[in-house]
PDB file of N, CA and C in Angstrom:
ATOM      1  N   UNK A   1      75.336  87.154  67.152  1.00  0.00           N
ATOM      2  CA  UNK A   1      76.797  87.416  66.148  1.00  0.00           C
ATOM      3  C   UNK A   1      77.252  86.468  65.734  1.00  0.00           C
ATOM      4  N   UNK A   2      77.291  86.328  64.541  1.00  0.00           N
ATOM      5  CA  UNK A   2      77.518  85.514  63.143  1.00  0.00           C
ATOM      6  C   UNK A   2      79.234  85.421  63.339  1.00  0.00           C
ATOM      7  N   UNK A   3      79.919  84.554  63.801  1.00  0.00           N
ATOM      8  CA  UNK A   3      81.569  84.216  63.626  1.00  0.00           C
ATOM      9  C   UNK A   3      81.980  85.397  64.388  1.00  0.00           C
ATOM     10  N   UNK A   4      83.528  85.360  64.337  1.00  0.00           N
ATOM     11  CA  UNK A   4      84.673  85.992  65.194  1.00  0.00           C
ATOM     12  C   UNK A   4      84.687  87.444  65.082  1.00  0.00           C
ATOM     13  N   UNK A   5      84.913  87.769  66.316  1.00  0.00           N
ATOM     14  CA  UNK A   5      84.932  89.592  65.888  1.00  0.00           C
ATOM     15  C   UNK A   5      86.359  89.787  65.868  1.00  0.00           C
ATOM     16  N   UNK A   6      86.625  90.944  65.360  1.00  0.00           N
ATOM     17  CA  UNK A   6      87.725  91.029  65.143  1.00  0.00           C
ATOM     18  C   UNK A   6      88.682  91.287  66.760  1.00  0.00           C
ATOM     19  N   UNK A   7      87.768  91.639  67.659  1.00  0.00           N
ATOM     20  CA  UNK A   7      89.257  91.617  69.180  1.00  0.00           C
ATOM     21  C   UNK A   7      89.379  89.982  69.970  1.00  0.00           C
ATOM     22  N   UNK A   8      88.268  89.516  69.307  1.00  0.00           N
ATOM     23  CA  UNK A   8      88.408  88.217  69.192  1.00  0.00           C
ATOM     24  C   UNK A   8      89.693  87.733  68.520  1.00  0.00           C
ATOM     25  N   UNK A   9      89.657  88.003  67.361  1.00  0.00           N
ATOM     26  CA  UNK A   9      91.154  87.441  66.659  1.00  0.00           C
ATOM     27  C   UNK A   9      92.360  88.270  67.155  1.00  0.00           C
ATOM     28  N   UNK A  10      91.906  89.398  67.590  1.00  0.00           N
ATOM     29  CA  UNK A  10      93.628  89.856  68.222  1.00  0.00           C
ATOM     30  C   UNK A  10      93.973  89.598  69.356  1.00  0.00           C
ATOM     31  N   UNK A  11      93.200  89.109  69.821  1.00  0.00           N
ATOM     32  CA  UNK A  11      93.869  88.369  71.404  1.00  0.00           C
ATOM     33  C   UNK A  11      94.007  87.044  71.139  1.00  0.00           C
ATOM     34  N   UNK A  12      93.576  86.199  70.072  1.00  0.00           N
ATOM     35  CA  UNK A  12      93.733  84.750  70.334  1.00  0.00           C
ATOM     36  C   UNK A  12      95.545  84.902  69.539  1.00  0.00           C
ATOM     37  N   UNK A  13      95.556  86.377  68.187  1.00  0.00           N
ATOM     38  CA  UNK A  13      96.912  86.317  68.487  1.00  0.00           C
ATOM     39  C   UNK A  13      97.862  86.379  68.967  1.00  0.00           C
ATOM     40  N   UNK A  14      97.664  87.273  69.928  1.00  0.00           N
ATOM     41  CA  UNK A  14      98.354  87.691  71.275  1.00  0.00           C
ATOM     42  C   UNK A  14      98.392  86.609  72.190  1.00  0.00           C
ATOM     43  N   UNK A  15      97.689  85.572  72.370  1.00  0.00           N
ATOM     44  CA  UNK A  15      97.864  84.311  73.002  1.00  0.00           C
ATOM     45  C   UNK A  15      98.955  83.571  72.676  1.00  0.00           C
ATOM     46  N   UNK A  16      98.866  83.481  70.833  1.00  0.00           N
ATOM     47  CA  UNK A  16      99.998  82.662  70.097  1.00  0.00           C
ATOM     48  C   UNK A  16     101.270  83.234  70.265  1.00  0.00           C
ATOM     49  N   UNK A  17     100.791  84.520  70.349  1.00  0.00           N
ATOM     50  CA  UNK A  17     102.124  85.213  71.068  1.00  0.00           C
ATOM     51  C   UNK A  17     103.006  84.953  72.012  1.00  0.00           C
ATOM     52  N   UNK A  18     101.933  84.652  72.991  1.00  0.00           N
ATOM     53  CA  UNK A  18     102.676  84.337  74.426  1.00  0.00           C
ATOM     54  C   UNK A  18     102.708  82.633  74.812  1.00  0.00           C
ATOM     55  N   UNK A  19     102.701  81.884  73.422  1.00  0.00           N
ATOM     56  CA  UNK A  19     102.922  80.598  73.419  1.00  0.00           C
ATOM     57  C   UNK A  19     101.769  79.773  74.249  1.00  0.00           C
ATOM     58  N   UNK A  20     100.321  80.168  73.995  1.00  0.00           N
ATOM     59  CA  UNK A  20      99.232  79.247  74.473  1.00  0.00           C
ATOM     60  C   UNK A  20      98.743  78.913  72.965  1.00  0.00           C
ATOM     61  N   UNK A  21      97.978  78.033  72.651  1.00  0.00           N
ATOM     62  CA  UNK A  21      97.556  77.729  71.252  1.00  0.00           C
ATOM     63  C   UNK A  21      96.075  78.017  71.531  1.00  0.00           C
ATOM     64  N   UNK A  22      96.001  78.429  70.280  1.00  0.00           N
ATOM     65  CA  UNK A  22      94.110  78.741  69.982  1.00  0.00           C
ATOM     66  C   UNK A  22      94.262  79.088  68.264  1.00  0.00           C
ATOM     67  N   UNK A  23      92.924  78.343  68.030  1.00  0.00           N
ATOM     68  CA  UNK A  23      92.754  78.273  66.605  1.00  0.00           C
ATOM     69  C   UNK A  23      92.043  79.998  66.172  1.00  0.00           C
ATOM     70  N   UNK A  24      92.887  80.275  64.948  1.00  0.00           N
ATOM     71  CA  UNK A  24      92.428  81.764  64.938  1.00  0.00           C
ATOM     72  C   UNK A  24      91.769  81.662  63.411  1.00  0.00           C
ATOM     73  N   UNK A  25      90.628  82.388  63.394  1.00  0.00           N
ATOM     74  CA  UNK A  25      89.614  82.725  61.594  1.00  0.00           C
ATOM     75  C   UNK A  25      89.854  84.087  61.472  1.00  0.00           C
ATOM     76  N   UNK A  26      89.661  83.905  60.247  1.00  0.00           N
ATOM     77  CA  UNK A  26      89.852  85.558  59.558  1.00  0.00           C
ATOM     78  C   UNK A  26      88.175  85.831  59.223  1.00  0.00           C
ATOM     79  N   UNK A  27      88.364  87.328  59.202  1.00  0.00           N
ATOM     80  CA  UNK A  27      87.141  87.129  58.408  1.00  0.00           C
ATOM     81  C   UNK A  27      86.717  86.737  57.052  1.00  0.00           C
ATOM     82  N   UNK A  28      85.233  86.614  56.744  1.00  0.00           N
ATOM     83  CA  UNK A  28      85.227  85.728  55.818  1.00  0.00           C
ATOM     84  C   UNK A  28      85.812  86.515  54.365  1.00  0.00           C
ATOM     85  N   UNK A  29      86.093  85.100  53.600  1.00  0.00           N
ATOM     86  CA  UNK A  29      87.174  84.946  52.728  1.00  0.00           C
ATOM     87  C   UNK A  29      86.317  85.919  51.296  1.00  0.00           C
ATOM     88  N   UNK A  30      86.816  86.444  50.375  1.00  0.00           N
ATOM     89  CA  UNK A  30      86.580  87.486  48.970  1.00  0.00           C
ATOM     90  C   UNK A  30      85.995  88.704  49.681  1.00  0.00           C
ATOM     91  N   UNK A  31      86.180  89.068  50.893  1.00  0.00           N
ATOM     92  CA  UNK A  31      84.974  90.553  51.018  1.00  0.00           C
ATOM     93  C   UNK A  31      86.446  91.495  50.420  1.00  0.00           C
ATOM     94  N   UNK A  32      85.557  92.493  49.739  1.00  0.00           N
ATOM     95  CA  UNK A  32      86.412  93.219  49.378  1.00  0.00           C
ATOM     96  C   UNK A  32      86.820  94.351  49.923  1.00  0.00           C
ATOM     97  N   UNK A  33      87.438  95.605  50.285  1.00  0.00           N
ATOM     98  CA  UNK A  33      88.079  96.337  51.504  1.00  0.00           C
ATOM     99  C   UNK A  33      86.464  96.879  52.002  1.00  0.00           C
ATOM    100  N   UNK A  34      85.377  97.478  51.304  1.00  0.00           N
ATOM    101  CA  UNK A  34      84.080  97.810  51.639  1.00  0.00           C
ATOM    102  C   UNK A  34      83.707  96.904  52.811  1.00  0.00           C
ATOM    103  N   UNK A  35      83.601  95.572  52.010  1.00  0.00           N
ATOM    104  CA  UNK A  35      83.156  94.398  52.786  1.00  0.00           C
ATOM    105  C   UNK A  35      83.624  93.938  54.178  1.00  0.00           C
ATOM    106  N   UNK A  36      85.041  94.343  53.722  1.00  0.00           N
ATOM    107  CA  UNK A  36      86.065  94.326  55.049  1.00  0.00           C
ATOM    108  C   UNK A  36      85.665  95.290  56.385  1.00  0.00           C
ATOM    109  N   UNK A  37      85.577  96.391  55.757  1.00  0.00           N
ATOM    110  CA  UNK A  37      85.090  97.332  56.609  1.00  0.00           C
ATOM    111  C   UNK A  37      83.354  97.312  57.462  1.00  0.00           C
ATOM    112  N   UNK A  38      83.088  96.601  56.293  1.00  0.00           N
ATOM    113  CA  UNK A  38      81.725  96.916  56.734  1.00  0.00           C
ATOM    114  C   UNK A  38      81.083  95.407  57.920  1.00  0.00           C
ATOM    115  N   UNK A  39      82.013  94.657  57.707  1.00  0.00           N
ATOM    116  CA  UNK A  39      82.358  93.368  58.492  1.00  0.00           C
ATOM    117  C   UNK A  39      82.687  93.865  59.882  1.00  0.00           C
ATOM    118  N   UNK A  40      83.620  94.527  59.980  1.00  0.00           N
ATOM    119  CA  UNK A  40      84.356  95.536  61.038  1.00  0.00           C
ATOM    120  C   UNK A  40      83.221  96.440  61.850  1.00  0.00           C
ATOM    121  N   UNK A  41      82.823  97.048  61.452  1.00  0.00           N
ATOM    122  CA  UNK A  41      81.375  97.485  61.716  1.00  0.00           C
ATOM    123  C   UNK A  41      80.234  96.899  62.259  1.00  0.00           C
ATOM    124  N   UNK A  42      79.838  96.221  61.698  1.00  0.00           N
ATOM    125  CA  UNK A  42      78.901  95.206  62.049  1.00  0.00           C
ATOM    126  C   UNK A  42      78.987  94.326  63.465  1.00  0.00           C
ATOM    127  N   UNK A  43      80.584  93.908  63.378  1.00  0.00           N
ATOM    128  CA  UNK A  43      80.780  92.976  64.057  1.00  0.00           C
ATOM    129  C   UNK A  43      80.993  93.890  65.991  1.00  0.00           C
ATOM    130  N   UNK A  44      81.572  95.237  65.683  1.00  0.00           N
ATOM    131  CA  UNK A  44      82.120  95.835  66.954  1.00  0.00           C
ATOM    132  C   UNK A  44      80.907  96.227  67.446  1.00  0.00           C
ATOM    133  N   UNK A  45      79.690  96.697  66.329  1.00  0.00           N
ATOM    134  CA  UNK A  45      78.779  96.917  66.886  1.00  0.00           C
ATOM    135  C   UNK A  45      77.888  96.324  67.779  1.00  0.00           C
ATOM    136  N   UNK A  46      78.266  94.877  67.552  1.00  0.00           N
ATOM    137  CA  UNK A  46      77.503  93.584  68.256  1.00  0.00           C
ATOM    138  C   UNK A  46      77.956  93.792  69.395  1.00  0.00           C
ATOM    139  N   UNK A  47      79.417  93.726  69.341  1.00  0.00           N
ATOM    140  CA  UNK A  47      80.550  93.188  70.560  1.00  0.00           C
ATOM    141  C   UNK A  47      79.991  94.473  71.671  1.00  0.00           C
ATOM    142  N   UNK A  48      79.402  95.396  71.457  1.00  0.00           N
ATOM    143  CA  UNK A  48      79.342  96.790  72.032  1.00  0.00           C
ATOM    144  C   UNK A  48      77.489  96.015  72.869  1.00  0.00           C
ATOM    145  N   UNK A  49      76.939  95.175  72.574  1.00  0.00           N
ATOM    146  CA  UNK A  49      75.973  95.093  72.793  1.00  0.00           C
ATOM    147  C   UNK A  49      75.291  93.561  73.609  1.00  0.00           C
ATOM    148  N   UNK A  50      76.782  92.840  73.796  1.00  0.00           N
ATOM    149  CA  UNK A  50      76.827  92.023  74.667  1.00  0.00           C
ATOM    150  C   UNK A  50      76.508  91.293  75.764  1.00  0.00           C
ATOM    151  N   UNK A  51      75.733  90.905  76.519  1.00  0.00           N
ATOM    152  CA  UNK A  51      76.027  90.792  77.990  1.00  0.00           C
ATOM    153  C   UNK A  51      77.249  90.646  78.738  1.00  0.00           C
ATOM    154  N   UNK A  52      77.262  90.532  79.871  1.00  0.00           N
ATOM    155  CA  UNK A  52      78.248  90.152  80.336  1.00  0.00           C
ATOM    156  C   UNK A  52      78.432  88.648  80.275  1.00  0.00           C
ATOM    157  N   UNK A  53      77.179  87.264  80.532  1.00  0.00           N
ATOM    158  CA  UNK A  53      77.223  86.434  80.522  1.00  0.00           C
ATOM    159  C   UNK A  53      77.867  86.015  78.862  1.00  0.00           C
ATOM    160  N   UNK A  54      77.442  86.908  78.073  1.00  0.00           N
ATOM    161  CA  UNK A  54      77.851  86.370  77.186  1.00  0.00           C
ATOM    162  C   UNK A  54      79.551  86.897  76.365  1.00  0.00           C
ATOM    163  N   UNK A  55      79.865  88.192  76.913  1.00  0.00           N
ATOM    164  CA  UNK A  55      81.298  88.463  77.038  1.00  0.00           C
ATOM    165  C   UNK A  55      82.051  87.416  77.622  1.00  0.00           C
ATOM    166  N   UNK A  56      81.797  86.673  79.111  1.00  0.00           N
ATOM    167  CA  UNK A  56      82.371  85.978  79.665  1.00  0.00           C
ATOM    168  C   UNK A  56      82.736  84.568  78.977  1.00  0.00           C
ATOM    169  N   UNK A  57      81.231  84.012  77.871  1.00  0.00           N
ATOM    170  CA  UNK A  57      81.411  83.048  76.953  1.00  0.00           C
ATOM    171  C   UNK A  57      82.484  83.301  75.894  1.00  0.00           C
ATOM    172  N   UNK A  58      82.728  84.108  75.395  1.00  0.00           N
ATOM    173  CA  UNK A  58      83.768  84.487  74.454  1.00  0.00           C
ATOM    174  C   UNK A  58      84.894  85.066  75.079  1.00  0.00           C
ATOM    175  N   UNK A  59      85.073  84.625  76.060  1.00  0.00           N
ATOM    176  CA  UNK A  59      86.573  85.000  76.984  1.00  0.00           C
ATOM    177  C   UNK A  59      87.175  86.675  77.273  1.00  0.00           C
ATOM    178  N   UNK A  60      85.793  87.440  76.899  1.00  0.00           N
ATOM    179  CA  UNK A  60      86.376  88.607  76.745  1.00  0.00           C
ATOM    180  C   UNK A  60      85.629  89.615  77.975  1.00  0.00           C
ATOM    181  N   UNK A  61      86.757  90.856  78.463  1.00  0.00           N
ATOM    182  CA  UNK A  61      86.209  91.361  79.561  1.00  0.00           C
ATOM    183  C   UNK A  61      85.646  92.652  79.135  1.00  0.00           C
ATOM    184  N   UNK A  62      84.605  93.350  79.959  1.00  0.00           N
ATOM    185  CA  UNK A  62      84.016  94.421  79.490  1.00  0.00           C
ATOM    186  C   UNK A  62      84.344  95.973  78.865  1.00  0.00           C
ATOM    187  N   UNK A  63      85.588  95.692  79.566  1.00  0.00           N
ATOM    188  CA  UNK A  63      86.819  96.732  79.068  1.00  0.00           C
ATOM    189  C   UNK A  63      87.490  96.392  78.044  1.00  0.00           C
ATOM    190  N   UNK A  64      87.828  95.228  77.638  1.00  0.00           N
ATOM    191  CA  UNK A  64      88.323  94.561  76.122  1.00  0.00           C
ATOM    192  C   UNK A  64      86.882  94.764  74.669  1.00  0.00           C
ATOM    193  N   UNK A  65      86.100  94.474  75.515  1.00  0.00           N
ATOM    194  CA  UNK A  65      85.237  94.867  74.251  1.00  0.00           C
ATOM    195  C   UNK A  65      84.910  96.563  74.350  1.00  0.00           C
ATOM    196  N   UNK A  66      85.112  97.135  75.102  1.00  0.00           N
ATOM    197  CA  UNK A  66      84.593  98.419  74.553  1.00  0.00           C
ATOM    198  C   UNK A  66      85.738  98.817  74.015  1.00  0.00           C
ATOM    199  N   UNK A  67      86.807  98.595  74.313  1.00  0.00           N
ATOM    200  CA  UNK A  67      88.232  99.450  73.303  1.00  0.00           C
ATOM    201  C   UNK A  67      87.836  99.246  72.147  1.00  0.00           C
ATOM    202  N   UNK A  68      87.690  97.644  71.957  1.00  0.00           N
ATOM    203  CA  UNK A  68      87.227  96.813  70.215  1.00  0.00           C
ATOM    204  C   UNK A  68      86.152  97.623  69.980  1.00  0.00           C
ATOM    205  N   UNK A  69      85.375  97.744  70.636  1.00  0.00           N
ATOM    206  CA  UNK A  69      83.805  98.003  70.090  1.00  0.00           C
ATOM    207  C   UNK A  69      83.416  99.600  70.301  1.00  0.00           C
ATOM    208  N   UNK A  70      84.721 100.452  70.145  1.00  0.00           N
ATOM    209  CA  UNK A  70      84.821 101.588  70.132  1.00  0.00           C
ATOM    210  C   UNK A  70      85.708 102.436  69.032  1.00  0.00           C
ATOM    211  N   UNK A  71      86.675 101.340  68.401  1.00  0.00           N
ATOM    212  CA  UNK A  71      87.445 101.516  67.307  1.00  0.00           C
ATOM    213  C   UNK A  71      86.945 101.769  65.974  1.00  0.00           C
ATOM    214  N   UNK A  72      87.169 102.763  65.075  1.00  0.00           N
ATOM    215  CA  UNK A  72      86.797 103.173  63.830  1.00  0.00           C
ATOM    216  C   UNK A  72      86.884 101.635  62.935  1.00  0.00           C
ATOM    217  N   UNK A  73      85.989 101.459  62.215  1.00  0.00           N
ATOM    218  CA  UNK A  73      85.613 100.494  61.180  1.00  0.00           C
ATOM    219  C   UNK A  73      86.639 100.527  60.411  1.00  0.00           C
ATOM    220  N   UNK A  74      87.863 101.618  60.054  1.00  0.00           N
ATOM    221  CA  UNK A  74      88.256 101.139  59.230  1.00  0.00           C
ATOM    222  C   UNK A  74      89.851 100.765  59.688  1.00  0.00           C
ATOM    223  N   UNK A  75      89.827 101.088  61.020  1.00  0.00           N
ATOM    224  CA  UNK A  75      91.352 100.312  61.488  1.00  0.00           C
ATOM    225  C   UNK A  75      90.879  98.987  62.170  1.00  0.00           C
ATOM    226  N   UNK A  76      92.091  98.032  62.094  1.00  0.00           N
ATOM    227  CA  UNK A  76      92.320  96.799  62.438  1.00  0.00           C
ATOM    228  C   UNK A  76      92.314  96.579  63.740  1.00  0.00           C
TER     229      UNK A  76
END
């Protein structure tokens, strides 16, 4: 998976709200609405295919990955 997934971005934003510091990345610049939806679709599908070790590397639990991966691509 190239880049940060939407779920990781949301988790990092929540960490910032709770006082923990993290660097937040946005989706690639210049994407159209359809491009953003396609980006979400690809990253969410890839998220569902990560192994336990890969999820641990990005700091996500299986439940978090499943919840984000099953969201429709049109939702934030």
